[in-house]
Amino acid sequence: MLGPPCSGKGTHSQLISESFGLKHVSTGNLFRDEIERMSPIGIIAKQLIDFGNFVPDSVTMKIFYLHIQSNPSDEGYLLDGFPRTLPQAEFLSKYLAKHHLNIDLVFYLYAPEEVLLARMGKRSLTENRADDNSNAFMHRIENYYKNTHVLTDYYSAQEKLVSISTDNSIAEVSRQILEVVEAKILEKK
């Protein structure tokens, strides 16, 4: 799942994971767990994330790798928020090739910036996330377009990218995503 903050990656990742028995791997959730435990990685991550910055690639790749190693899945994984940079995407490609695995689909979820900002405002009322304030959020949007949006070209060139507007109801976006996933499953049979 690719997309700017508040584009619906977490919501739709959870729905897809539950529908198809995939393990949902969210690097954001992994870092929030580390922060809650006040681990050394969590302390570093908190200082960066609270201000809308990315955790360095080497740390992100390490936490991803350790999580995958300790949580094997025969059905596959749904990656939410990883990769987030081109070096992470290249690492992932090498990792998958080494383990004879591949990426079937990459969803790019997008919505107008004012919609994303409104969602952040609503989320800040229900979740206690330090990065859900307007300054950090705008910095997260900048970081997304500076570092992550390039991955839409990277996966489009591999003919794996599916772009979906999330400026619709959750039910409508889910319907579109599930349709694409089901078509891919039928294609692979």
Protein backbone atom coordinates (compact mmCIF):
# COMPACT_ATOMS: atom_id res chain seq x y z
CA MET A 1 0.00 0.00 0.00
CA LEU A 2 1.36 3.35 -1.06
CA GLY A 3 -0.19 6.71 -0.43
CA PRO A 4 0.18 9.93 1.50
CA PRO A 5 -0.71 10.12 5.19
CA CYS A 6 -4.43 9.61 5.88
CA SER A 7 -5.10 8.20 2.40
CA GLY A 8 -6.62 5.06 3.92
CA LYS A 9 -3.68 2.66 3.77
CA GLY A 10 -4.21 1.25 7.27
CA THR A 11 -7.98 0.96 6.95
CA HIS A 12 -7.88 -0.82 3.61
CA SER A 13 -4.85 -2.94 4.49
CA GLN A 14 -6.75 -4.33 7.46
CA LEU A 15 -9.82 -5.09 5.32
CA ILE A 16 -7.78 -6.85 2.62
CA SER A 17 -5.76 -8.80 5.18
CA GLU A 18 -8.89 -10.05 6.89
CA SER A 19 -10.63 -10.89 3.60
CA PHE A 20 -7.75 -12.93 2.19
CA GLY A 21 -5.92 -14.23 5.27
CA LEU A 22 -2.80 -12.15 4.65
CA LYS A 23 -0.52 -10.94 7.43
CA HIS A 24 -0.83 -7.16 7.72
CA VAL A 25 2.61 -5.62 8.22
CA SER A 26 2.53 -1.91 9.02
CA THR A 27 5.91 -0.33 9.67
CA GLY A 28 4.05 2.53 11.36
CA ASN A 29 2.47 0.06 13.80
CA LEU A 30 5.81 -1.67 14.32
CA PHE A 31 7.40 1.65 15.23
CA ARG A 32 4.47 2.64 17.47
CA ASP A 33 4.94 -0.70 19.32
CA GLU A 34 8.65 0.04 19.74
CA ILE A 35 7.83 3.55 21.00
CA GLU A 36 5.32 2.17 23.50
CA ARG A 37 7.90 -0.32 24.80
CA MET A 38 10.48 2.51 24.93
CA SER A 39 13.03 0.30 23.16
CA PRO A 40 16.19 1.93 21.78
CA ILE A 41 14.63 1.85 18.29
CA GLY A 42 11.41 3.28 19.73
CA ILE A 43 13.19 6.20 21.38
CA ILE A 44 14.92 7.13 18.11
CA ALA A 45 11.74 6.60 16.09
CA LYS A 46 9.64 8.77 18.43
CA GLN A 47 12.01 11.72 18.09
CA LEU A 48 11.69 11.53 14.30
CA ILE A 49 8.04 10.54 13.85
CA ASP A 50 6.67 13.16 16.26
CA PHE A 51 7.91 15.84 13.88
CA GLY A 52 6.77 14.12 10.69
CA ASN A 53 10.18 12.76 9.71
CA PHE A 54 10.99 9.32 8.35
CA VAL A 55 12.96 6.79 10.36
CA PRO A 56 16.24 6.06 8.50
CA ASP A 57 16.07 3.33 5.86
CA SER A 58 18.55 1.07 7.68
CA VAL A 59 16.42 1.07 10.86
CA THR A 60 13.18 0.60 8.94
CA MET A 61 14.58 -2.28 6.89
CA LYS A 62 15.95 -3.94 10.03
CA ILE A 63 12.64 -3.78 11.90
CA PHE A 64 10.79 -5.01 8.80
CA TYR A 65 13.20 -7.92 8.30
CA LEU A 66 13.07 -8.96 11.97
CA HIS A 67 9.27 -8.85 11.98
CA ILE A 68 8.95 -10.95 8.80
CA GLN A 69 11.47 -13.49 10.11
CA SER A 70 9.57 -13.94 13.36
CA ASN A 71 6.10 -13.93 11.73
CA PRO A 72 6.15 -16.31 8.74
CA SER A 73 3.06 -16.56 6.56
CA ASP A 74 2.13 -19.22 4.03
CA GLU A 75 -0.65 -17.02 2.62
CA GLY A 76 1.51 -13.92 2.13
CA TYR A 77 1.80 -10.42 3.48
CA LEU A 78 0.13 -7.12 2.92
CA LEU A 79 2.71 -4.36 3.37
CA ASP A 80 1.37 -1.06 4.69
CA GLY A 81 3.81 1.84 4.64
CA PHE A 82 6.74 -0.24 3.42
CA PRO A 83 8.62 0.38 1.29
CA ARG A 84 8.63 4.11 1.85
CA THR A 85 11.74 5.09 -0.12
CA LEU A 86 13.48 3.86 -3.26
CA PRO A 87 16.32 2.21 -1.27
CA GLN A 88 13.69 0.34 0.77
CA ALA A 89 11.96 -0.79 -2.44
CA GLU A 90 15.26 -2.00 -3.86
CA PHE A 91 16.04 -3.84 -0.59
CA LEU A 92 12.60 -5.44 -0.68
CA SER A 93 13.07 -6.57 -4.29
CA LYS A 94 16.39 -8.24 -3.42
CA TYR A 95 14.92 -9.82 -0.28
CA LEU A 96 11.96 -11.22 -2.21
CA ALA A 97 14.14 -12.54 -5.04
CA LYS A 98 16.43 -14.24 -2.52
CA HIS A 99 13.42 -16.01 -0.97
CA HIS A 100 11.74 -16.76 -4.33
CA LEU A 101 8.81 -14.44 -3.56
CA ASN A 102 7.28 -11.59 -5.49
CA ILE A 103 4.93 -8.63 -5.24
CA ASP A 104 1.62 -9.22 -6.99
CA LEU A 105 -0.02 -5.82 -6.60
CA VAL A 106 0.83 -2.36 -5.33
CA PHE A 107 -2.08 -0.11 -4.50
CA TYR A 108 -1.57 3.64 -4.67
CA LEU A 109 -4.30 5.28 -2.60
CA TYR A 110 -4.75 9.01 -3.09
CA ALA A 111 -7.11 11.86 -2.21
CA PRO A 112 -6.99 15.66 -2.41
CA GLU A 113 -4.79 17.29 0.24
CA GLU A 114 -7.77 19.00 1.91
CA VAL A 115 -9.44 15.59 2.35
CA LEU A 116 -6.25 14.16 3.86
CA LEU A 117 -5.96 17.11 6.24
CA ALA A 118 -9.61 16.75 7.34
CA ARG A 119 -9.04 13.03 8.00
CA MET A 120 -5.97 13.83 10.06
CA GLY A 121 -8.07 16.23 12.12
CA LYS A 122 -10.69 13.56 12.78
CA ARG A 123 -8.06 10.94 13.59
CA SER A 124 -6.34 13.26 16.04
CA LEU A 125 -9.56 13.31 18.07
CA THR A 126 -9.67 9.53 18.47
CA GLU A 127 -6.01 8.49 18.43
CA ASN A 128 -3.27 10.01 20.54
CA ARG A 129 -0.59 10.38 17.86
CA ALA A 130 1.94 13.16 18.19
CA ASP A 131 2.37 13.31 14.41
CA ASP A 132 -1.32 14.15 13.92
CA ASN A 133 -0.99 17.91 14.22
CA SER A 134 -1.05 20.30 11.29
CA ASN A 135 2.68 21.17 11.31
CA ALA A 136 3.89 17.57 11.55
CA PHE A 137 1.22 16.47 9.10
CA MET A 138 2.27 19.00 6.45
CA HIS A 139 5.88 17.88 6.96
CA ARG A 140 4.74 14.25 6.50
CA ILE A 141 3.00 15.22 3.25
CA GLU A 142 6.21 16.95 2.04
CA ASN A 143 8.26 13.88 2.97
CA TYR A 144 5.80 11.65 1.17
CA TYR A 145 6.05 13.60 -2.10
CA LYS A 146 9.81 14.01 -1.76
CA ASN A 147 10.67 10.41 -0.85
CA THR A 148 7.79 8.01 -1.42
CA HIS A 149 5.77 9.18 -4.39
CA VAL A 150 8.63 8.11 -6.71
CA LEU A 151 7.61 4.53 -5.90
CA THR A 152 4.47 4.97 -7.97
CA ASP A 153 6.73 5.21 -11.04
CA TYR A 154 8.93 2.37 -9.78
CA TYR A 155 6.00 -0.06 -9.46
CA SER A 156 4.16 1.28 -12.50
CA ALA A 157 7.21 0.38 -14.60
CA GLN A 158 6.87 -3.17 -13.23
CA GLU A 159 3.16 -3.16 -14.19
CA LYS A 160 2.11 -3.79 -10.58
CA LEU A 161 0.60 -0.41 -9.66
CA VAL A 162 -3.15 0.08 -9.24
CA SER A 163 -4.23 3.67 -8.47
CA ILE A 164 -7.44 4.19 -6.50
CA SER A 165 -8.97 7.43 -5.31
CA THR A 166 -9.97 7.25 -1.66
CA ASP A 167 -12.12 10.35 -1.95
CA ASN A 168 -15.12 8.00 -1.77
CA SER A 169 -16.75 5.98 0.98
CA ILE A 170 -14.74 3.26 2.68
CA ALA A 171 -17.22 0.71 1.31
CA GLU A 172 -16.76 1.92 -2.29
CA VAL A 173 -12.96 2.01 -2.07
CA SER A 174 -12.96 -1.46 -0.47
CA ARG A 175 -15.19 -2.78 -3.22
CA GLN A 176 -12.76 -1.49 -5.87
CA ILE A 177 -9.72 -2.91 -4.09
CA LEU A 178 -11.32 -6.31 -3.45
CA GLU A 179 -12.36 -6.52 -7.10
CA VAL A 180 -8.75 -6.01 -8.20
CA VAL A 181 -7.41 -8.54 -5.68
CA GLU A 182 -10.00 -11.17 -6.66
CA ALA A 183 -9.17 -10.65 -10.36
CA LYS A 184 -5.46 -11.15 -9.58
CA ILE A 185 -6.22 -14.36 -7.67
CA LEU A 186 -8.24 -15.72 -10.60
CA GLU A 187 -5.47 -14.75 -13.02
CA LYS A 188 -2.91 -16.71 -11.00
CA LYS A 189 -4.99 -19.93 -10.90
